[in-house]
Amino acid sequence: MTIFHQTIDSPVGRLLIAASDEGLHAIEFPQGRHPVKRDTHWQESPHPLLSEAARQLGEYFAGQRRVFDLPLAPQGTDFQQRVWQALRAIPYGQTRSYAQLATAIGQPKAMRAVGAANGRNPLSIVVPCHRVIGANGSLVGFGGGLPVKTFLLRLEGALA
């Protein structure tokens, strides 16, 4: 399977987006802690899904889009997939704690594992891992850095 990728400018810096005919595989910040594994099947080349993802991200940053409508193809374990699906259920402008996310997937004691899966989310912004905060309301770890997390939550109205 060939994975096409490109970088786009955004208000939070340059983002790498990657997709195949199956769907979107990655949206990464330049300083991301867990980049998606790249191999010889990756090529910097246009693809219609990259154009659509860039368009929808532009609308999101302009405050014109609250829900993304893109086919997704993140690679991860079954547990990670469940956590990422639960992330997609967090509404725009709202936040959840790791404990709430663990409860949402039916494993209320798995907060640390949920946190680890959240940190490995390959589709930042579209799968809104930035909407997960500490139980006390504090902003905790984010692959794009806490200033980016703050920006995204303010954009969505989740922070004053």
N, C-alpha and C. Protein backbone atom coordinates (compact mmCIF):
# COMPACT_ATOMS: atom_id res chain seq x y z
N MET A 1 0.85 -1.17 0.00
CA MET A 1 0.00 0.00 0.00
C MET A 1 0.90 1.24 0.00
N THR A 2 0.64 2.14 -0.90
CA THR A 2 1.37 3.40 -0.96
C THR A 2 0.70 4.42 -0.06
N ILE A 3 1.51 5.09 0.74
CA ILE A 3 1.01 6.17 1.59
C ILE A 3 1.58 7.48 1.06
N PHE A 4 0.68 8.37 0.71
CA PHE A 4 1.05 9.67 0.17
C PHE A 4 1.09 10.67 1.31
N HIS A 5 1.99 11.62 1.23
CA HIS A 5 2.06 12.62 2.31
C HIS A 5 2.46 13.97 1.77
N GLN A 6 2.12 14.97 2.56
CA GLN A 6 2.51 16.35 2.27
C GLN A 6 2.51 17.11 3.58
N THR A 7 3.09 18.28 3.58
CA THR A 7 3.02 19.15 4.74
C THR A 7 2.17 20.37 4.38
N ILE A 8 1.47 20.86 5.39
CA ILE A 8 0.65 22.05 5.20
C ILE A 8 0.94 23.03 6.33
N ASP A 9 0.78 24.30 6.05
CA ASP A 9 0.91 25.31 7.08
C ASP A 9 -0.41 25.43 7.82
N SER A 10 -0.31 25.70 9.11
CA SER A 10 -1.51 25.89 9.93
C SER A 10 -1.19 26.90 11.03
N PRO A 11 -2.17 27.38 11.75
CA PRO A 11 -1.91 28.31 12.85
C PRO A 11 -1.09 27.69 13.98
N VAL A 12 -0.97 26.36 13.99
CA VAL A 12 -0.17 25.70 15.04
C VAL A 12 1.14 25.15 14.48
N GLY A 13 1.53 25.61 13.31
CA GLY A 13 2.78 25.18 12.69
C GLY A 13 2.53 24.25 11.52
N ARG A 14 3.62 23.77 10.95
CA ARG A 14 3.50 22.86 9.80
C ARG A 14 3.03 21.50 10.28
N LEU A 15 2.07 20.95 9.55
CA LEU A 15 1.52 19.64 9.85
C LEU A 15 1.84 18.69 8.71
N LEU A 16 2.26 17.48 9.03
CA LEU A 16 2.41 16.45 8.02
C LEU A 16 1.09 15.68 7.99
N ILE A 17 0.53 15.51 6.81
CA ILE A 17 -0.66 14.69 6.67
C ILE A 17 -0.33 13.54 5.70
N ALA A 18 -0.82 12.36 6.03
CA ALA A 18 -0.53 11.18 5.23
C ALA A 18 -1.80 10.38 5.02
N ALA A 19 -1.96 9.86 3.80
CA ALA A 19 -3.17 9.10 3.46
C ALA A 19 -2.86 8.07 2.38
N SER A 20 -3.73 7.10 2.31
CA SER A 20 -3.71 6.12 1.22
C SER A 20 -5.14 6.03 0.68
N ASP A 21 -5.36 5.12 -0.23
CA ASP A 21 -6.72 4.92 -0.72
C ASP A 21 -7.64 4.40 0.39
N GLU A 22 -7.08 3.84 1.46
CA GLU A 22 -7.87 3.33 2.58
C GLU A 22 -8.39 4.45 3.48
N GLY A 23 -7.64 5.54 3.59
CA GLY A 23 -8.04 6.63 4.46
C GLY A 23 -6.84 7.41 4.97
N LEU A 24 -7.12 8.30 5.89
CA LEU A 24 -6.10 9.15 6.50
C LEU A 24 -5.32 8.33 7.52
N HIS A 25 -3.98 8.38 7.43
CA HIS A 25 -3.13 7.61 8.34
C HIS A 25 -2.48 8.46 9.42
N ALA A 26 -2.19 9.72 9.11
CA ALA A 26 -1.47 10.52 10.09
C ALA A 26 -1.70 12.01 9.88
N ILE A 27 -1.72 12.72 11.00
CA ILE A 27 -1.60 14.17 11.04
C ILE A 27 -0.63 14.42 12.17
N GLU A 28 0.54 14.92 11.83
CA GLU A 28 1.60 15.04 12.83
C GLU A 28 2.14 16.45 12.93
N PHE A 29 2.48 16.80 14.17
CA PHE A 29 3.19 18.04 14.44
C PHE A 29 4.68 17.79 14.21
N PRO A 30 5.45 18.83 13.87
CA PRO A 30 6.88 18.62 13.61
C PRO A 30 7.62 18.04 14.80
N GLN A 31 7.22 18.41 16.01
CA GLN A 31 7.91 17.96 17.20
C GLN A 31 7.21 16.76 17.85
N GLY A 32 6.36 16.08 17.11
CA GLY A 32 5.59 14.96 17.67
C GLY A 32 6.48 13.90 18.31
N ARG A 33 6.04 13.37 19.44
CA ARG A 33 6.82 12.38 20.18
C ARG A 33 6.73 10.99 19.59
N HIS A 34 5.65 10.67 18.90
CA HIS A 34 5.45 9.31 18.39
C HIS A 34 5.06 9.35 16.91
N PRO A 35 6.01 9.69 16.04
CA PRO A 35 5.66 9.74 14.61
C PRO A 35 5.27 8.36 14.08
N VAL A 36 4.39 8.36 13.09
CA VAL A 36 3.99 7.12 12.44
C VAL A 36 5.22 6.56 11.71
N LYS A 37 5.36 5.24 11.77
CA LYS A 37 6.50 4.58 11.12
C LYS A 37 6.42 4.78 9.61
N ARG A 38 7.53 5.20 9.04
CA ARG A 38 7.60 5.40 7.60
C ARG A 38 8.46 4.31 6.98
N ASP A 39 8.09 3.92 5.76
CA ASP A 39 8.88 2.94 5.05
C ASP A 39 8.97 3.34 3.58
N THR A 40 9.40 2.41 2.76
CA THR A 40 9.60 2.72 1.34
C THR A 40 8.30 2.94 0.60
N HIS A 41 7.16 2.63 1.23
CA HIS A 41 5.87 2.84 0.59
C HIS A 41 5.35 4.26 0.76
N TRP A 42 6.11 5.08 1.46
CA TRP A 42 5.71 6.48 1.66
C TRP A 42 6.28 7.31 0.52
N GLN A 43 5.45 8.17 -0.05
CA GLN A 43 5.95 9.08 -1.07
C GLN A 43 5.26 10.43 -0.97
N GLU A 44 6.07 11.45 -1.14
CA GLU A 44 5.52 12.81 -1.12
C GLU A 44 4.91 13.07 -2.48
N SER A 45 3.60 13.05 -2.53
CA SER A 45 2.89 13.14 -3.79
C SER A 45 1.44 13.54 -3.51
N PRO A 46 0.77 14.18 -4.46
CA PRO A 46 -0.63 14.55 -4.25
C PRO A 46 -1.53 13.32 -4.15
N HIS A 47 -2.62 13.50 -3.44
CA HIS A 47 -3.67 12.48 -3.34
C HIS A 47 -4.95 13.23 -2.99
N PRO A 48 -6.09 12.87 -3.56
CA PRO A 48 -7.33 13.60 -3.29
C PRO A 48 -7.68 13.69 -1.81
N LEU A 49 -7.38 12.67 -1.04
CA LEU A 49 -7.70 12.70 0.38
C LEU A 49 -6.81 13.70 1.13
N LEU A 50 -5.59 13.88 0.68
CA LEU A 50 -4.72 14.90 1.30
C LEU A 50 -5.31 16.29 1.06
N SER A 51 -5.78 16.53 -0.14
CA SER A 51 -6.39 17.83 -0.46
C SER A 51 -7.63 18.06 0.39
N GLU A 52 -8.44 17.04 0.53
CA GLU A 52 -9.68 17.16 1.32
C GLU A 52 -9.35 17.37 2.80
N ALA A 53 -8.37 16.64 3.31
CA ALA A 53 -7.96 16.81 4.71
C ALA A 53 -7.45 18.23 4.94
N ALA A 54 -6.65 18.73 4.02
CA ALA A 54 -6.12 20.09 4.15
C ALA A 54 -7.26 21.10 4.13
N ARG A 55 -8.23 20.89 3.27
CA ARG A 55 -9.39 21.79 3.19
C ARG A 55 -10.18 21.79 4.50
N GLN A 56 -10.46 20.61 5.02
CA GLN A 56 -11.23 20.52 6.26
C GLN A 56 -10.45 21.06 7.45
N LEU A 57 -9.16 20.84 7.49
CA LEU A 57 -8.35 21.42 8.57
C LEU A 57 -8.37 22.94 8.48
N GLY A 58 -8.29 23.48 7.27
CA GLY A 58 -8.39 24.93 7.09
C GLY A 58 -9.71 25.48 7.60
N GLU A 59 -10.79 24.78 7.31
CA GLU A 59 -12.11 25.19 7.81
C GLU A 59 -12.16 25.13 9.34
N TYR A 60 -11.58 24.09 9.91
CA TYR A 60 -11.54 23.95 11.37
C TYR A 60 -10.80 25.14 12.00
N PHE A 61 -9.63 25.44 11.48
CA PHE A 61 -8.85 26.55 12.04
C PHE A 61 -9.52 27.90 11.82
N ALA A 62 -10.36 28.01 10.80
CA ALA A 62 -11.10 29.25 10.55
C ALA A 62 -12.39 29.32 11.38
N GLY A 63 -12.65 28.30 12.19
CA GLY A 63 -13.85 28.28 13.02
C GLY A 63 -15.11 27.90 12.25
N GLN A 64 -14.94 27.31 11.07
CA GLN A 64 -16.08 26.97 10.22
C GLN A 64 -16.42 25.48 10.22
N ARG A 65 -15.65 24.68 10.92
CA ARG A 65 -15.90 23.22 10.94
C ARG A 65 -15.74 22.72 12.36
N ARG A 66 -16.72 21.92 12.79
CA ARG A 66 -16.68 21.33 14.13
C ARG A 66 -16.50 19.82 14.08
N VAL A 67 -16.88 19.20 12.96
CA VAL A 67 -16.79 17.76 12.81
C VAL A 67 -16.07 17.47 11.50
N PHE A 68 -15.14 16.54 11.54
CA PHE A 68 -14.42 16.14 10.33
C PHE A 68 -15.14 14.99 9.65
N ASP A 69 -15.16 15.03 8.34
CA ASP A 69 -15.80 14.00 7.54
C ASP A 69 -14.75 13.42 6.60
N LEU A 70 -13.91 12.57 7.16
CA LEU A 70 -12.80 11.98 6.42
C LEU A 70 -12.72 10.49 6.72
N PRO A 71 -12.41 9.66 5.73
CA PRO A 71 -12.17 8.25 6.03
C PRO A 71 -10.84 8.14 6.78
N LEU A 72 -10.86 7.39 7.88
CA LEU A 72 -9.67 7.27 8.73
C LEU A 72 -9.12 5.85 8.67
N ALA A 73 -7.80 5.73 8.68
CA ALA A 73 -7.14 4.42 8.66
C ALA A 73 -5.94 4.40 9.60
N PRO A 74 -6.14 4.76 10.89
CA PRO A 74 -5.01 4.74 11.81
C PRO A 74 -4.58 3.30 12.11
N GLN A 75 -3.30 3.09 12.27
CA GLN A 75 -2.78 1.77 12.57
C GLN A 75 -2.49 1.69 14.07
N GLY A 76 -3.04 0.71 14.74
CA GLY A 76 -2.80 0.54 16.16
C GLY A 76 -3.43 -0.75 16.66
N THR A 77 -3.19 -1.02 17.95
CA THR A 77 -3.75 -2.22 18.57
C THR A 77 -5.27 -2.08 18.70
N ASP A 78 -5.93 -3.17 19.03
CA ASP A 78 -7.38 -3.11 19.25
C ASP A 78 -7.71 -2.13 20.38
N PHE A 79 -6.92 -2.16 21.45
CA PHE A 79 -7.15 -1.25 22.57
C PHE A 79 -6.99 0.21 22.12
N GLN A 80 -5.92 0.50 21.39
CA GLN A 80 -5.71 1.86 20.89
C GLN A 80 -6.88 2.28 20.01
N GLN A 81 -7.33 1.40 19.14
CA GLN A 81 -8.45 1.73 18.26
C GLN A 81 -9.70 2.09 19.06
N ARG A 82 -9.94 1.37 20.15
CA ARG A 82 -11.10 1.66 21.00
C ARG A 82 -10.97 3.03 21.64
N VAL A 83 -9.77 3.34 22.11
CA VAL A 83 -9.55 4.66 22.73
C VAL A 83 -9.72 5.75 21.69
N TRP A 84 -9.16 5.56 20.50
CA TRP A 84 -9.26 6.58 19.46
C TRP A 84 -10.70 6.77 19.02
N GLN A 85 -11.48 5.70 19.00
CA GLN A 85 -12.90 5.83 18.67
C GLN A 85 -13.62 6.63 19.76
N ALA A 86 -13.27 6.39 21.02
CA ALA A 86 -13.87 7.15 22.12
C ALA A 86 -13.48 8.63 22.04
N LEU A 87 -12.28 8.92 21.60
CA LEU A 87 -11.86 10.31 21.43
C LEU A 87 -12.75 11.01 20.41
N ARG A 88 -13.09 10.32 19.35
CA ARG A 88 -13.93 10.91 18.30
C ARG A 88 -15.32 11.24 18.80
N ALA A 89 -15.73 10.62 19.91
CA ALA A 89 -17.06 10.86 20.46
C ALA A 89 -17.09 12.08 21.39
N ILE A 90 -15.94 12.67 21.70
CA ILE A 90 -15.92 13.86 22.56
C ILE A 90 -16.35 15.04 21.70
N PRO A 91 -17.45 15.68 22.05
CA PRO A 91 -17.96 16.78 21.21
C PRO A 91 -17.02 17.99 21.17
N TYR A 92 -17.07 18.68 20.08
CA TYR A 92 -16.37 19.94 19.88
C TYR A 92 -16.68 20.87 21.05
N GLY A 93 -15.66 21.50 21.59
CA GLY A 93 -15.85 22.46 22.66
C GLY A 93 -15.99 21.84 24.04
N GLN A 94 -15.85 20.53 24.13
CA GLN A 94 -15.94 19.85 25.42
C GLN A 94 -14.64 19.10 25.70
N THR A 95 -14.44 18.76 26.96
CA THR A 95 -13.26 17.99 27.35
C THR A 95 -13.70 16.79 28.18
N ARG A 96 -12.80 15.83 28.31
CA ARG A 96 -13.00 14.66 29.15
C ARG A 96 -11.69 14.38 29.87
N SER A 97 -11.80 13.76 31.03
CA SER A 97 -10.60 13.33 31.76
C SER A 97 -10.20 11.94 31.28
N TYR A 98 -8.99 11.53 31.63
CA TYR A 98 -8.56 10.17 31.29
C TYR A 98 -9.48 9.15 31.96
N ALA A 99 -9.92 9.43 33.18
CA ALA A 99 -10.83 8.52 33.89
C ALA A 99 -12.15 8.40 33.14
N GLN A 100 -12.68 9.51 32.67
CA GLN A 100 -13.93 9.46 31.90
C GLN A 100 -13.76 8.69 30.61
N LEU A 101 -12.61 8.86 29.96
CA LEU A 101 -12.35 8.14 28.72
C LEU A 101 -12.22 6.64 29.00
N ALA A 102 -11.55 6.28 30.09
CA ALA A 102 -11.41 4.87 30.46
C ALA A 102 -12.79 4.25 30.73
N THR A 103 -13.64 4.99 31.42
CA THR A 103 -15.00 4.51 31.68
C THR A 103 -15.77 4.36 30.38
N ALA A 104 -15.58 5.29 29.45
CA ALA A 104 -16.31 5.26 28.18
C ALA A 104 -15.98 4.01 27.36
N ILE A 105 -14.78 3.46 27.52
CA ILE A 105 -14.42 2.24 26.77
C ILE A 105 -14.67 0.99 27.61
N GLY A 106 -15.28 1.16 28.79
CA GLY A 106 -15.62 0.01 29.62
C GLY A 106 -14.48 -0.53 30.46
N GLN A 107 -13.42 0.26 30.65
CA GLN A 107 -12.29 -0.16 31.46
C GLN A 107 -11.90 0.97 32.42
N PRO A 108 -12.74 1.22 33.43
CA PRO A 108 -12.55 2.38 34.30
C PRO A 108 -11.22 2.42 35.07
N LYS A 109 -10.55 1.30 35.20
CA LYS A 109 -9.27 1.29 35.92
C LYS A 109 -8.07 1.41 34.98
N ALA A 110 -8.31 1.55 33.71
CA ALA A 110 -7.24 1.57 32.71
C ALA A 110 -6.81 2.99 32.33
N MET A 111 -6.83 3.91 33.31
CA MET A 111 -6.52 5.31 32.99
C MET A 111 -5.12 5.49 32.40
N ARG A 112 -4.13 4.79 32.94
CA ARG A 112 -2.77 4.93 32.41
C ARG A 112 -2.67 4.39 30.99
N ALA A 113 -3.28 3.25 30.74
CA ALA A 113 -3.25 2.67 29.40
C ALA A 113 -3.99 3.57 28.42
N VAL A 114 -5.09 4.17 28.88
CA VAL A 114 -5.83 5.11 28.04
C VAL A 114 -4.95 6.32 27.73
N GLY A 115 -4.22 6.79 28.74
CA GLY A 115 -3.31 7.92 28.52
C GLY A 115 -2.23 7.58 27.50
N ALA A 116 -1.69 6.37 27.59
CA ALA A 116 -0.66 5.94 26.64
C ALA A 116 -1.23 5.85 25.22
N ALA A 117 -2.43 5.28 25.09
CA ALA A 117 -3.06 5.18 23.77
C ALA A 117 -3.38 6.57 23.22
N ASN A 118 -3.83 7.45 24.10
CA ASN A 118 -4.12 8.83 23.70
C ASN A 118 -2.85 9.48 23.14
N GLY A 119 -1.73 9.25 23.80
CA GLY A 119 -0.46 9.82 23.36
C GLY A 119 0.05 9.26 22.05
N ARG A 120 -0.44 8.10 21.67
CA ARG A 120 -0.02 7.47 20.42
C ARG A 120 -1.00 7.72 19.27
N ASN A 121 -1.99 8.55 19.51
CA ASN A 121 -2.97 8.88 18.48
C ASN A 121 -2.25 9.45 17.25
N PRO A 122 -2.35 8.79 16.10
CA PRO A 122 -1.64 9.28 14.91
C PRO A 122 -2.39 10.37 14.14
N LEU A 123 -3.63 10.67 14.55
CA LEU A 123 -4.45 11.60 13.79
C LEU A 123 -4.84 12.81 14.63
N SER A 124 -3.82 13.53 15.09
CA SER A 124 -4.07 14.72 15.91
C SER A 124 -5.08 15.65 15.26
N ILE A 125 -5.82 16.32 16.07
CA ILE A 125 -6.85 17.29 15.70
C ILE A 125 -8.11 16.58 15.19
N VAL A 126 -7.99 15.76 14.15
CA VAL A 126 -9.16 15.06 13.60
C VAL A 126 -9.69 14.04 14.60
N VAL A 127 -8.81 13.31 15.25
CA VAL A 127 -9.17 12.46 16.38
C VAL A 127 -8.70 13.27 17.59
N PRO A 128 -9.63 13.97 18.25
CA PRO A 128 -9.28 15.08 19.15
C PRO A 128 -8.70 14.72 20.51
N CYS A 129 -7.48 14.22 20.50
CA CYS A 129 -6.81 13.89 21.75
C CYS A 129 -6.54 15.14 22.59
N HIS A 130 -6.58 16.31 21.96
CA HIS A 130 -6.36 17.56 22.71
C HIS A 130 -7.52 17.84 23.67
N ARG A 131 -8.64 17.15 23.51
CA ARG A 131 -9.80 17.37 24.37
C ARG A 131 -9.72 16.58 25.68
N VAL A 132 -8.63 15.85 25.89
CA VAL A 132 -8.47 15.08 27.13
C VAL A 132 -7.58 15.88 28.08
N ILE A 133 -8.10 16.05 29.30
CA ILE A 133 -7.40 16.86 30.31
C ILE A 133 -7.28 16.05 31.59
N GLY A 134 -6.53 16.59 32.55
CA GLY A 134 -6.39 15.93 33.84
C GLY A 134 -7.69 15.97 34.63
N ALA A 135 -7.81 15.07 35.59
CA ALA A 135 -9.03 14.97 36.40
C ALA A 135 -9.34 16.28 37.13
N ASN A 136 -8.30 17.05 37.45
CA ASN A 136 -8.49 18.32 38.16
C ASN A 136 -8.68 19.49 37.20
N GLY A 137 -8.83 19.19 35.90
CA GLY A 137 -9.03 20.24 34.91
C GLY A 137 -7.76 20.81 34.33
N SER A 138 -6.60 20.29 34.78
CA SER A 138 -5.33 20.81 34.27
C SER A 138 -5.06 20.28 32.86
N LEU A 139 -4.32 21.08 32.11
CA LEU A 139 -3.91 20.64 30.78
C LEU A 139 -2.66 19.79 30.96
N VAL A 140 -2.75 18.58 30.50
CA VAL A 140 -1.63 17.65 30.64
C VAL A 140 -1.17 17.23 29.26
N GLY A 141 -0.03 16.55 29.21
CA GLY A 141 0.66 16.16 27.99
C GLY A 141 -0.11 16.20 26.69
N PHE A 142 0.59 16.64 25.67
CA PHE A 142 0.03 16.67 24.32
C PHE A 142 1.20 16.63 23.34
N GLY A 143 1.09 15.78 22.33
CA GLY A 143 2.18 15.60 21.36
C GLY A 143 2.59 16.87 20.64
N GLY A 144 1.68 17.80 20.48
CA GLY A 144 1.99 19.06 19.82
C GLY A 144 2.51 20.11 20.78
N GLY A 145 2.54 19.78 22.08
CA GLY A 145 2.98 20.73 23.10
C GLY A 145 1.77 21.42 23.74
N LEU A 146 1.92 21.82 24.99
CA LEU A 146 0.81 22.45 25.71
C LEU A 146 0.34 23.77 25.10
N PRO A 147 1.23 24.60 24.52
CA PRO A 147 0.72 25.81 23.87
C PRO A 147 -0.24 25.50 22.71
N VAL A 148 0.04 24.44 21.96
CA VAL A 148 -0.85 24.05 20.86
C VAL A 148 -2.17 23.52 21.43
N LYS A 149 -2.08 22.71 22.47
CA LYS A 149 -3.30 22.19 23.11
C LYS A 149 -4.16 23.35 23.60
N THR A 150 -3.54 24.33 24.24
CA THR A 150 -4.26 25.51 24.72
C THR A 150 -4.92 26.23 23.56
N PHE A 151 -4.18 26.42 22.46
CA PHE A 151 -4.73 27.09 21.28
C PHE A 151 -5.96 26.35 20.76
N LEU A 152 -5.87 25.03 20.62
CA LEU A 152 -6.97 24.24 20.07
C LEU A 152 -8.21 24.31 20.98
N LEU A 153 -8.00 24.20 22.28
CA LEU A 153 -9.13 24.24 23.21
C LEU A 153 -9.75 25.64 23.24
N ARG A 154 -8.94 26.67 23.11
CA ARG A 154 -9.51 28.03 23.03
C ARG A 154 -10.27 28.23 21.73
N LEU A 155 -9.73 27.71 20.63
CA LEU A 155 -10.40 27.81 19.34
C LEU A 155 -11.80 27.19 19.43
N GLU A 156 -11.91 26.08 20.16
CA GLU A 156 -13.18 25.37 20.28
C GLU A 156 -14.07 25.94 21.40
N GLY A 157 -13.56 26.90 22.15
CA GLY A 157 -14.35 27.48 23.23
C GLY A 157 -14.37 26.67 24.50
N ALA A 158 -13.47 25.69 24.61
CA ALA A 158 -13.41 24.86 25.81
C ALA A 158 -12.59 25.53 26.92
N LEU A 159 -11.84 26.57 26.58
CA LEU A 159 -11.06 27.34 27.54
C LEU A 159 -11.41 28.82 27.37
N ALA A 160 -11.44 29.52 28.48
CA ALA A 160 -11.72 30.97 28.41
C ALA A 160 -10.55 31.70 27.81
